[in-house]
Amino acid sequence: MQLRAILFDVDGTLADTESDGHRKAYNRAFRKLGLTFRWGPKLYRKLLRQPGGKERLNHFLDRYQPELGEHADAVGESTEAWVAHVHGLKSRYFRRLLRRGQIPLRPGVARLMREARDAGLKIGLVTNASRASLKPILRYSLGETLVNALDTIVCGEDVARKKPAPDLYKAALKNLQLRPDECLAVEDSAIGLKAATGAGVATVITFNGDTEKQDFAAALAVLDSLGEPQHPVQVLKGSLAGAPCVTVAGLQALFPTSRAA
């Protein structure tokens, strides 16, 4: 089967937005609000098991019952409103980090997107993020040229269930009018892998510091990045046939193997 589209996750896949952006922005919001707790790397990795930012805040309140001080009454009156307020403040600081160029694309992302476009492949983004959260990433990290190359964008509010449910990928396939066996997903997490494979889409994992120890047994390939010619990829599973980085030709050679399997 011929590869006709590549579907990219966003947070952690296009850029290290979680460690370099969202966690820092949450902690800045907590500090601004006078809250004494902070989310360290170890705790944040646990919170990433939740499918979205507001879900992480709710889970943190329920599971860890932090000291809220003067915010306790507000949470008691309406947890939903308080979570929305904190999340909105976090989003403001996150956008500031993006505007300042502090969250660059991961190695190989822009190169592979350009190669895919030039090869006539369709390109999509499939993300749990809201459109409001995605907008600054599109503007400041991807940029106008790559945004214009996208054929579909499916966000968390577009479906009833976020990843790890397959709904987002099924929506992307419908938008592109393609079958699962004509598409390949690029993800960074076990949640994303479950969502893509649940929709029948073969998946390449480019793990990061927050996800490297997760279970990727169902992945077609597991890599530390998409790589660049001068910065070779570390391959944990799969084969790039000796190439130093992921290319469209390499994915097309790898792709039929997943279909046969």
C-alpha atoms as a PDB file:
ATOM      1  CA  MET A   1       0.000   0.000   0.000  1.00  0.00           C
ATOM      2  CA  GLN A   2       1.317   3.447  -0.923  1.00  0.00           C
ATOM      3  CA  LEU A   3       1.824   6.057   1.768  1.00  0.00           C
ATOM      4  CA  ARG A   4      -0.381   9.076   1.033  1.00  0.00           C
ATOM      5  CA  ALA A   5      -0.394  11.107   4.248  1.00  0.00           C
ATOM      6  CA  ILE A   6       1.617  11.804   7.398  1.00  0.00           C
ATOM      7  CA  LEU A   7      -0.309  12.817  10.518  1.00  0.00           C
ATOM      8  CA  PHE A   8       1.668  14.599  13.232  1.00  0.00           C
ATOM      9  CA  ASP A   9       0.870  14.924  16.900  1.00  0.00           C
ATOM     10  CA  VAL A  10       1.737  18.372  18.281  1.00  0.00           C
ATOM     11  CA  ASP A  11       2.789  18.618  21.943  1.00  0.00           C
ATOM     12  CA  GLY A  12       6.035  16.710  22.409  1.00  0.00           C
ATOM     13  CA  THR A  13       6.197  15.685  18.747  1.00  0.00           C
ATOM     14  CA  LEU A  14       6.495  18.915  16.779  1.00  0.00           C
ATOM     15  CA  ALA A  15       8.298  20.607  19.671  1.00  0.00           C
ATOM     16  CA  ASP A  16       9.158  19.874  23.297  1.00  0.00           C
ATOM     17  CA  THR A  17       6.204  21.985  24.326  1.00  0.00           C
ATOM     18  CA  GLU A  18       5.545  20.049  27.515  1.00  0.00           C
ATOM     19  CA  SER A  19       8.944  20.348  29.228  1.00  0.00           C
ATOM     20  CA  ASP A  20      10.035  23.597  27.566  1.00  0.00           C
ATOM     21  CA  GLY A  21       6.636  25.283  27.572  1.00  0.00           C
ATOM     22  CA  HIS A  22       3.557  24.009  29.338  1.00  0.00           C
ATOM     23  CA  ARG A  23       5.176  22.918  32.623  1.00  0.00           C
ATOM     24  CA  LYS A  24       7.070  26.211  32.905  1.00  0.00           C
ATOM     25  CA  ALA A  25       3.891  28.130  32.107  1.00  0.00           C
ATOM     26  CA  TYR A  26       1.857  26.243  34.720  1.00  0.00           C
ATOM     27  CA  ASN A  27       4.464  26.992  37.372  1.00  0.00           C
ATOM     28  CA  ARG A  28       4.543  30.649  36.358  1.00  0.00           C
ATOM     29  CA  ALA A  29       0.740  30.752  36.716  1.00  0.00           C
ATOM     30  CA  PHE A  30       0.890  29.081  40.138  1.00  0.00           C
ATOM     31  CA  ARG A  31       3.467  31.618  41.275  1.00  0.00           C
ATOM     32  CA  LYS A  32       1.423  34.533  39.918  1.00  0.00           C
ATOM     33  CA  LEU A  33      -1.619  33.319  41.863  1.00  0.00           C
ATOM     34  CA  GLY A  34       0.365  33.019  45.084  1.00  0.00           C
ATOM     35  CA  LEU A  35       0.134  29.212  45.189  1.00  0.00           C
ATOM     36  CA  THR A  36       3.013  27.481  46.964  1.00  0.00           C
ATOM     37  CA  PHE A  37       3.189  24.231  44.975  1.00  0.00           C
ATOM     38  CA  ARG A  38       5.103  23.657  41.727  1.00  0.00           C
ATOM     39  CA  TRP A  39       5.020  20.859  39.157  1.00  0.00           C
ATOM     40  CA  GLY A  40       8.449  19.205  38.931  1.00  0.00           C
ATOM     41  CA  PRO A  41       9.531  16.978  35.998  1.00  0.00           C
ATOM     42  CA  LYS A  42       8.698  13.701  37.776  1.00  0.00           C
ATOM     43  CA  LEU A  43       5.208  14.805  38.790  1.00  0.00           C
ATOM     44  CA  TYR A  44       4.529  16.320  35.380  1.00  0.00           C
ATOM     45  CA  ARG A  45       5.370  13.057  33.648  1.00  0.00           C
ATOM     46  CA  LYS A  46       2.620  11.447  35.731  1.00  0.00           C
ATOM     47  CA  LEU A  47       0.187  14.234  34.943  1.00  0.00           C
ATOM     48  CA  LEU A  48       0.862  13.784  31.218  1.00  0.00           C
ATOM     49  CA  ARG A  49      -1.123  10.548  31.427  1.00  0.00           C
ATOM     50  CA  GLN A  50      -4.199  12.777  31.461  1.00  0.00           C
ATOM     51  CA  PRO A  51      -5.481  13.779  27.992  1.00  0.00           C
ATOM     52  CA  GLY A  52      -5.360  17.565  28.337  1.00  0.00           C
ATOM     53  CA  GLY A  53      -4.389  20.583  30.420  1.00  0.00           C
ATOM     54  CA  LYS A  54      -7.670  21.084  32.253  1.00  0.00           C
ATOM     55  CA  GLU A  55      -7.861  17.350  32.869  1.00  0.00           C
ATOM     56  CA  ARG A  56      -4.381  17.504  34.446  1.00  0.00           C
ATOM     57  CA  LEU A  57      -5.411  20.323  36.756  1.00  0.00           C
ATOM     58  CA  ASN A  58      -8.547  18.460  37.838  1.00  0.00           C
ATOM     59  CA  HIS A  59      -6.605  15.259  38.387  1.00  0.00           C
ATOM     60  CA  PHE A  60      -3.973  17.124  40.407  1.00  0.00           C
ATOM     61  CA  LEU A  61      -6.635  18.597  42.681  1.00  0.00           C
ATOM     62  CA  ASP A  62      -8.356  15.231  43.171  1.00  0.00           C
ATOM     63  CA  ARG A  63      -5.280  13.035  43.493  1.00  0.00           C
ATOM     64  CA  TYR A  64      -2.833  15.261  45.376  1.00  0.00           C
ATOM     65  CA  GLN A  65      -5.182  17.631  47.231  1.00  0.00           C
ATOM     66  CA  PRO A  66      -2.669  20.509  47.316  1.00  0.00           C
ATOM     67  CA  GLU A  67      -2.750  23.380  49.780  1.00  0.00           C
ATOM     68  CA  LEU A  68      -4.789  26.083  48.032  1.00  0.00           C
ATOM     69  CA  GLY A  69      -4.738  28.810  50.662  1.00  0.00           C
ATOM     70  CA  GLU A  70      -7.007  31.692  49.702  1.00  0.00           C
ATOM     71  CA  HIS A  71      -8.082  29.800  46.568  1.00  0.00           C
ATOM     72  CA  ALA A  72      -9.812  27.031  48.541  1.00  0.00           C
ATOM     73  CA  ASP A  73     -13.154  28.840  48.623  1.00  0.00           C
ATOM     74  CA  ALA A  74     -13.064  29.533  44.884  1.00  0.00           C
ATOM     75  CA  VAL A  75     -12.371  25.870  44.148  1.00  0.00           C
ATOM     76  CA  GLY A  76     -15.154  24.848  46.490  1.00  0.00           C
ATOM     77  CA  GLU A  77     -17.644  27.118  44.763  1.00  0.00           C
ATOM     78  CA  SER A  78     -16.735  26.074  41.219  1.00  0.00           C
ATOM     79  CA  THR A  79     -13.793  23.833  40.447  1.00  0.00           C
ATOM     80  CA  GLU A  80     -14.540  24.152  36.740  1.00  0.00           C
ATOM     81  CA  ALA A  81     -14.327  27.960  36.801  1.00  0.00           C
ATOM     82  CA  TRP A  82     -11.131  27.956  38.878  1.00  0.00           C
ATOM     83  CA  VAL A  83      -9.458  25.401  36.604  1.00  0.00           C
ATOM     84  CA  ALA A  84     -10.467  27.448  33.544  1.00  0.00           C
ATOM     85  CA  HIS A  85      -8.950  30.563  35.130  1.00  0.00           C
ATOM     86  CA  VAL A  86      -5.630  28.845  35.921  1.00  0.00           C
ATOM     87  CA  HIS A  87      -5.523  27.229  32.497  1.00  0.00           C
ATOM     88  CA  GLY A  88      -6.165  30.571  30.820  1.00  0.00           C
ATOM     89  CA  LEU A  89      -3.341  32.199  32.760  1.00  0.00           C
ATOM     90  CA  LYS A  90      -1.034  29.304  31.886  1.00  0.00           C
ATOM     91  CA  SER A  91      -1.927  29.697  28.217  1.00  0.00           C
ATOM     92  CA  ARG A  92      -0.929  33.372  28.338  1.00  0.00           C
ATOM     93  CA  TYR A  93       2.537  32.508  29.664  1.00  0.00           C
ATOM     94  CA  PHE A  94       2.838  29.655  27.165  1.00  0.00           C
ATOM     95  CA  ARG A  95       2.154  32.049  24.273  1.00  0.00           C
ATOM     96  CA  ARG A  96       4.807  34.390  25.660  1.00  0.00           C
ATOM     97  CA  LEU A  97       7.400  31.594  25.560  1.00  0.00           C
ATOM     98  CA  LEU A  98       6.481  30.839  21.950  1.00  0.00           C
ATOM     99  CA  ARG A  99       6.647  34.494  20.910  1.00  0.00           C
ATOM    100  CA  ARG A 100      10.137  34.706  22.383  1.00  0.00           C
ATOM    101  CA  GLY A 101      11.283  31.724  20.312  1.00  0.00           C
ATOM    102  CA  GLN A 102      11.961  29.587  23.374  1.00  0.00           C
ATOM    103  CA  ILE A 103      10.124  26.508  22.066  1.00  0.00           C
ATOM    104  CA  PRO A 104      11.699  25.571  18.691  1.00  0.00           C
ATOM    105  CA  LEU A 105      10.608  22.688  16.470  1.00  0.00           C
ATOM    106  CA  ARG A 106      12.287  19.362  17.189  1.00  0.00           C
ATOM    107  CA  PRO A 107      15.027  18.186  14.787  1.00  0.00           C
ATOM    108  CA  GLY A 108      13.727  17.045  11.420  1.00  0.00           C
ATOM    109  CA  VAL A 109      10.136  18.233  11.770  1.00  0.00           C
ATOM    110  CA  ALA A 110      10.282  21.142   9.329  1.00  0.00           C
ATOM    111  CA  ARG A 111      12.511  19.198   6.928  1.00  0.00           C
ATOM    112  CA  LEU A 112      10.191  16.164   6.831  1.00  0.00           C
ATOM    113  CA  MET A 113       7.097  18.329   6.372  1.00  0.00           C
ATOM    114  CA  ARG A 114       8.718  20.089   3.426  1.00  0.00           C
ATOM    115  CA  GLU A 115       9.771  16.757   1.917  1.00  0.00           C
ATOM    116  CA  ALA A 116       6.243  15.371   2.350  1.00  0.00           C
ATOM    117  CA  ARG A 117       4.710  18.419   0.690  1.00  0.00           C
ATOM    118  CA  ASP A 118       7.166  18.247  -2.213  1.00  0.00           C
ATOM    119  CA  ALA A 119       6.448  14.516  -2.619  1.00  0.00           C
ATOM    120  CA  GLY A 120       2.713  15.176  -2.925  1.00  0.00           C
ATOM    121  CA  LEU A 121       1.785  13.642   0.429  1.00  0.00           C
ATOM    122  CA  LYS A 122      -0.975  15.126   2.547  1.00  0.00           C
ATOM    123  CA  ILE A 123       0.002  16.496   5.956  1.00  0.00           C
ATOM    124  CA  GLY A 124      -2.182  16.776   9.040  1.00  0.00           C
ATOM    125  CA  LEU A 125      -2.023  17.692  12.717  1.00  0.00           C
ATOM    126  CA  VAL A 126      -3.897  15.511  15.199  1.00  0.00           C
ATOM    127  CA  THR A 127      -3.806  16.880  18.729  1.00  0.00           C
ATOM    128  CA  ASN A 128      -5.588  16.836  22.071  1.00  0.00           C
ATOM    129  CA  ALA A 129      -4.831  20.550  22.379  1.00  0.00           C
ATOM    130  CA  SER A 130      -7.535  23.164  21.973  1.00  0.00           C
ATOM    131  CA  ARG A 131      -7.456  25.424  18.939  1.00  0.00           C
ATOM    132  CA  ALA A 132      -6.672  28.353  21.230  1.00  0.00           C
ATOM    133  CA  SER A 133      -3.605  26.515  22.576  1.00  0.00           C
ATOM    134  CA  LEU A 134      -2.566  25.399  19.096  1.00  0.00           C
ATOM    135  CA  LYS A 135      -2.785  28.829  17.481  1.00  0.00           C
ATOM    136  CA  PRO A 136       0.502  30.247  18.883  1.00  0.00           C
ATOM    137  CA  ILE A 137       2.353  27.032  17.984  1.00  0.00           C
ATOM    138  CA  LEU A 138       1.185  27.391  14.403  1.00  0.00           C
ATOM    139  CA  ARG A 139       2.190  31.039  14.291  1.00  0.00           C
ATOM    140  CA  TYR A 140       5.489  31.086  16.146  1.00  0.00           C
ATOM    141  CA  SER A 141       6.890  27.552  15.781  1.00  0.00           C
ATOM    142  CA  LEU A 142       5.615  26.196  12.460  1.00  0.00           C
ATOM    143  CA  GLY A 143       5.346  29.474  10.601  1.00  0.00           C
ATOM    144  CA  GLU A 144       3.214  30.517   7.644  1.00  0.00           C
ATOM    145  CA  THR A 145       4.822  28.305   4.989  1.00  0.00           C
ATOM    146  CA  LEU A 146       4.393  25.049   6.904  1.00  0.00           C
ATOM    147  CA  VAL A 147       0.925  26.000   8.167  1.00  0.00           C
ATOM    148  CA  ASN A 148      -0.167  26.572   4.576  1.00  0.00           C
ATOM    149  CA  ALA A 149       1.106  23.084   3.722  1.00  0.00           C
ATOM    150  CA  LEU A 150      -1.297  21.442   6.187  1.00  0.00           C
ATOM    151  CA  ASP A 151      -4.301  19.628   4.728  1.00  0.00           C
ATOM    152  CA  THR A 152      -6.172  19.102   7.994  1.00  0.00           C
ATOM    153  CA  ILE A 153      -5.994  20.053  11.664  1.00  0.00           C
ATOM    154  CA  VAL A 154      -8.032  18.110  14.208  1.00  0.00           C
ATOM    155  CA  CYS A 155      -8.111  19.394  17.795  1.00  0.00           C
ATOM    156  CA  GLY A 156      -9.446  18.168  21.117  1.00  0.00           C
ATOM    157  CA  GLU A 157     -12.758  20.033  20.926  1.00  0.00           C
ATOM    158  CA  ASP A 158     -13.521  18.518  17.502  1.00  0.00           C
ATOM    159  CA  VAL A 159     -14.397  15.100  18.957  1.00  0.00           C
ATOM    160  CA  ALA A 160     -16.248  13.617  21.910  1.00  0.00           C
ATOM    161  CA  ARG A 161     -13.194  11.737  23.209  1.00  0.00           C
ATOM    162  CA  LYS A 162      -9.560  12.824  23.157  1.00  0.00           C
ATOM    163  CA  LYS A 163      -6.547  10.527  22.843  1.00  0.00           C
ATOM    164  CA  PRO A 164      -6.026   7.707  23.804  1.00  0.00           C
ATOM    165  CA  ALA A 165      -9.405   7.197  22.120  1.00  0.00           C
ATOM    166  CA  PRO A 166      -9.070   6.891  18.316  1.00  0.00           C
ATOM    167  CA  ASP A 167     -11.669   9.594  17.561  1.00  0.00           C
ATOM    168  CA  LEU A 168      -9.202  12.319  16.544  1.00  0.00           C
ATOM    169  CA  TYR A 169      -7.472  10.091  14.030  1.00  0.00           C
ATOM    170  CA  LYS A 170     -10.775   8.854  12.646  1.00  0.00           C
ATOM    171  CA  ALA A 171     -11.811  12.478  12.151  1.00  0.00           C
ATOM    172  CA  ALA A 172      -8.543  13.255  10.344  1.00  0.00           C
ATOM    173  CA  LEU A 173      -8.993  10.264   8.043  1.00  0.00           C
ATOM    174  CA  LYS A 174     -12.520  11.420   7.245  1.00  0.00           C
ATOM    175  CA  ASN A 175     -11.318  14.951   6.503  1.00  0.00           C
ATOM    176  CA  LEU A 176      -8.604  13.647   4.167  1.00  0.00           C
ATOM    177  CA  GLN A 177     -10.880  10.989   2.641  1.00  0.00           C
ATOM    178  CA  LEU A 178      -8.164   8.380   3.156  1.00  0.00           C
ATOM    179  CA  ARG A 179      -8.076   4.886   4.598  1.00  0.00           C
ATOM    180  CA  PRO A 180      -6.012   4.067   7.695  1.00  0.00           C
ATOM    181  CA  ASP A 181      -3.655   1.922   5.619  1.00  0.00           C
ATOM    182  CA  GLU A 182      -2.750   4.946   3.495  1.00  0.00           C
ATOM    183  CA  CYS A 183      -1.549   7.037   6.449  1.00  0.00           C
ATOM    184  CA  LEU A 184       1.285   7.120   8.941  1.00  0.00           C
ATOM    185  CA  ALA A 185       1.228   8.834  12.339  1.00  0.00           C
ATOM    186  CA  VAL A 186       4.155  10.477  14.103  1.00  0.00           C
ATOM    187  CA  GLU A 187       3.646  10.521  17.873  1.00  0.00           C
ATOM    188  CA  ASP A 188       5.756  10.862  21.008  1.00  0.00           C
ATOM    189  CA  SER A 189       3.702   9.099  23.690  1.00  0.00           C
ATOM    190  CA  ALA A 190       1.935   5.853  24.550  1.00  0.00           C
ATOM    191  CA  ILE A 191      -1.362   7.755  24.656  1.00  0.00           C
ATOM    192  CA  GLY A 192      -0.839   8.977  21.104  1.00  0.00           C
ATOM    193  CA  LEU A 193       0.293   5.554  19.939  1.00  0.00           C
ATOM    194  CA  LYS A 194      -2.863   3.948  21.330  1.00  0.00           C
ATOM    195  CA  ALA A 195      -5.040   6.560  19.627  1.00  0.00           C
ATOM    196  CA  ALA A 196      -3.409   6.161  16.218  1.00  0.00           C
ATOM    197  CA  THR A 197      -3.211   2.371  16.195  1.00  0.00           C
ATOM    198  CA  GLY A 198      -6.763   2.233  17.553  1.00  0.00           C
ATOM    199  CA  ALA A 199      -7.802   3.957  14.333  1.00  0.00           C
ATOM    200  CA  GLY A 200      -5.699   1.505  12.299  1.00  0.00           C
ATOM    201  CA  VAL A 201      -2.907   3.978  11.539  1.00  0.00           C
ATOM    202  CA  ALA A 202       0.683   2.691  11.686  1.00  0.00           C
ATOM    203  CA  THR A 203       2.814   4.859  13.960  1.00  0.00           C
ATOM    204  CA  VAL A 204       6.394   6.068  14.268  1.00  0.00           C
ATOM    205  CA  ILE A 205       7.390   7.231  17.743  1.00  0.00           C
ATOM    206  CA  THR A 206       9.852  10.083  18.327  1.00  0.00           C
ATOM    207  CA  PHE A 207      10.140   9.964  22.107  1.00  0.00           C
ATOM    208  CA  ASN A 208      11.353  12.743  24.363  1.00  0.00           C
ATOM    209  CA  GLY A 209      12.529  13.098  27.953  1.00  0.00           C
ATOM    210  CA  ASP A 210       8.988  12.884  29.299  1.00  0.00           C
ATOM    211  CA  THR A 211       7.981   9.783  27.319  1.00  0.00           C
ATOM    212  CA  GLU A 212      11.133   7.733  26.641  1.00  0.00           C
ATOM    213  CA  LYS A 213      10.284   5.024  29.195  1.00  0.00           C
ATOM    214  CA  GLN A 214       6.718   4.433  28.004  1.00  0.00           C
ATOM    215  CA  ASP A 215       5.507   1.261  26.278  1.00  0.00           C
ATOM    216  CA  PHE A 216       5.915   1.546  22.504  1.00  0.00           C
ATOM    217  CA  ALA A 217       5.603  -2.138  21.615  1.00  0.00           C
ATOM    218  CA  ALA A 218       2.885  -1.405  19.036  1.00  0.00           C
ATOM    219  CA  ALA A 219       4.957   1.180  17.161  1.00  0.00           C
ATOM    220  CA  LEU A 220       6.359   0.635  13.688  1.00  0.00           C
ATOM    221  CA  ALA A 221       9.577   2.397  14.717  1.00  0.00           C
ATOM    222  CA  VAL A 222      10.879   4.107  17.858  1.00  0.00           C
ATOM    223  CA  LEU A 223      13.386   6.947  17.453  1.00  0.00           C
ATOM    224  CA  ASP A 224      14.797   9.753  19.576  1.00  0.00           C
ATOM    225  CA  SER A 225      13.820  12.312  16.890  1.00  0.00           C
ATOM    226  CA  LEU A 226      13.263  12.637  13.153  1.00  0.00           C
ATOM    227  CA  GLY A 227      16.867  13.763  12.931  1.00  0.00           C
ATOM    228  CA  GLU A 228      18.910  15.842  10.542  1.00  0.00           C
ATOM    229  CA  PRO A 229      21.726  14.726   8.210  1.00  0.00           C
ATOM    230  CA  GLN A 230      24.296  16.277  10.548  1.00  0.00           C
ATOM    231  CA  HIS A 231      22.541  14.968  13.698  1.00  0.00           C
ATOM    232  CA  PRO A 232      21.813  11.241  13.172  1.00  0.00           C
ATOM    233  CA  VAL A 233      18.792   9.565  14.710  1.00  0.00           C
ATOM    234  CA  GLN A 234      19.063   7.046  17.522  1.00  0.00           C
ATOM    235  CA  VAL A 235      16.959   4.038  16.473  1.00  0.00           C
ATOM    236  CA  LEU A 236      15.510   1.841  19.234  1.00  0.00           C
ATOM    237  CA  LYS A 237      13.111  -0.077  17.013  1.00  0.00           C
ATOM    238  CA  GLY A 238      12.660  -0.363  13.263  1.00  0.00           C
ATOM    239  CA  SER A 239      15.128   0.483  10.519  1.00  0.00           C
ATOM    240  CA  LEU A 240      16.090   3.536   8.504  1.00  0.00           C
ATOM    241  CA  ALA A 241      18.162   1.372   6.157  1.00  0.00           C
ATOM    242  CA  GLY A 242      21.343   3.150   7.168  1.00  0.00           C
ATOM    243  CA  ALA A 243      20.008   6.676   6.635  1.00  0.00           C
ATOM    244  CA  PRO A 244      21.023   9.219   9.309  1.00  0.00           C
ATOM    245  CA  CYS A 245      17.530  10.704   9.582  1.00  0.00           C
ATOM    246  CA  VAL A 246      13.879  10.066   8.750  1.00  0.00           C
ATOM    247  CA  THR A 247      12.978  10.897   5.152  1.00  0.00           C
ATOM    248  CA  VAL A 248       9.854  10.447   3.053  1.00  0.00           C
ATOM    249  CA  ALA A 249      11.649   7.778   1.024  1.00  0.00           C
ATOM    250  CA  GLY A 250      12.626   5.979   4.226  1.00  0.00           C
ATOM    251  CA  LEU A 251       9.049   6.075   5.528  1.00  0.00           C
ATOM    252  CA  GLN A 252       7.719   4.764   2.218  1.00  0.00           C
ATOM    253  CA  ALA A 253      10.196   1.876   2.393  1.00  0.00           C
ATOM    254  CA  LEU A 254       9.250   1.165   5.991  1.00  0.00           C
ATOM    255  CA  PHE A 255       5.510   1.561   5.454  1.00  0.00           C
ATOM    256  CA  PRO A 256       4.683  -1.670   3.547  1.00  0.00           C
ATOM    257  CA  THR A 257       6.296  -3.672   6.361  1.00  0.00           C
ATOM    258  CA  SER A 258       3.599  -2.493   8.748  1.00  0.00           C
ATOM    259  CA  ARG A 259       0.869  -3.423   6.280  1.00  0.00           C
ATOM    260  CA  ALA A 260       2.275  -6.920   5.808  1.00  0.00           C
ATOM    261  CA  ALA A 261       2.561  -7.359   9.589  1.00  0.00           C
END
